[in-house]
């Protein structure tokens, strides 16, 4: 069964993707979703940076965390 999350705008995101994906929300902002993550960011750069951190360091998102 696929885990789906709905943003306040009503857009549906797949949280169970086997990879991380950054998607523009219909109401503005960006969501990082997949691999169990569902995180909102105002700017795409922040979402992309978090995606790189998670891919490089795992769930904690950084070498010092």
Protein backbone atom coordinates (compact mmCIF):
# COMPACT_ATOMS: atom_id res chain seq x y z
CA UNK A 1 0.00 0.00 0.00
CA UNK A 2 1.39 3.42 -0.98
CA UNK A 3 1.58 6.19 1.62
CA UNK A 4 0.20 9.44 0.23
CA UNK A 5 0.21 12.88 1.88
CA UNK A 6 -1.93 15.86 0.91
CA UNK A 7 -0.66 19.43 1.13
CA UNK A 8 -2.92 22.27 2.31
CA UNK A 9 -3.52 23.12 -1.39
CA UNK A 10 -4.92 19.63 -1.99
CA UNK A 11 -1.98 18.37 -4.04
CA UNK A 12 -1.16 14.70 -3.38
CA UNK A 13 2.40 13.47 -2.82
CA UNK A 14 3.75 9.91 -2.79
CA UNK A 15 5.86 9.48 0.35
CA UNK A 16 6.83 5.88 -0.48
CA UNK A 17 8.81 6.63 -3.63
CA UNK A 18 12.09 4.67 -3.66
CA UNK A 19 13.90 7.96 -4.39
CA UNK A 20 13.64 11.57 -3.19
CA UNK A 21 11.81 14.08 -5.37
CA UNK A 22 11.36 17.86 -5.13
CA UNK A 23 7.97 19.04 -6.44
CA UNK A 24 6.46 22.52 -6.77
CA UNK A 25 3.19 22.81 -4.86
CA UNK A 26 0.18 24.36 -6.58
CA UNK A 27 -0.14 26.93 -3.76
CA UNK A 28 3.55 27.83 -3.82
CA UNK A 29 6.57 26.44 -2.06
CA UNK A 30 8.24 23.09 -2.62
CA UNK A 31 7.86 19.61 -1.14
CA UNK A 32 10.63 17.08 -0.73
CA UNK A 33 8.99 13.67 -0.71
CA UNK A 34 9.88 10.02 -1.09
CA UNK A 35 11.75 7.48 1.07
CA UNK A 36 9.32 8.28 3.91
CA UNK A 37 9.94 12.05 3.80
CA UNK A 38 7.36 14.82 3.39
CA UNK A 39 9.00 18.20 4.01
CA UNK A 40 7.89 21.69 2.97
CA UNK A 41 10.28 24.46 1.86
CA UNK A 42 9.62 28.05 0.78
CA UNK A 43 12.49 27.96 -1.74
CA UNK A 44 13.57 25.22 -4.15
CA UNK A 45 17.21 25.67 -3.15
CA UNK A 46 16.43 24.66 0.44
CA UNK A 47 14.57 21.55 -0.71
CA UNK A 48 17.40 20.57 -3.06
CA UNK A 49 20.00 21.11 -0.31
CA UNK A 50 18.05 18.90 2.12
CA UNK A 51 17.67 16.26 -0.60
CA UNK A 52 21.46 16.21 -1.09
CA UNK A 53 22.03 15.99 2.68
CA UNK A 54 19.65 13.07 3.08
CA UNK A 55 21.13 11.25 0.09
CA UNK A 56 24.68 11.78 1.39
CA UNK A 57 24.20 11.31 5.14
CA UNK A 58 20.90 9.49 5.60
CA UNK A 59 17.84 10.48 7.58
CA UNK A 60 19.71 12.76 9.99
CA UNK A 61 20.62 15.06 7.11
CA UNK A 62 24.17 16.06 8.02
CA UNK A 63 27.53 14.84 9.25
CA UNK A 64 27.20 16.61 12.64
CA UNK A 65 23.65 15.63 13.45
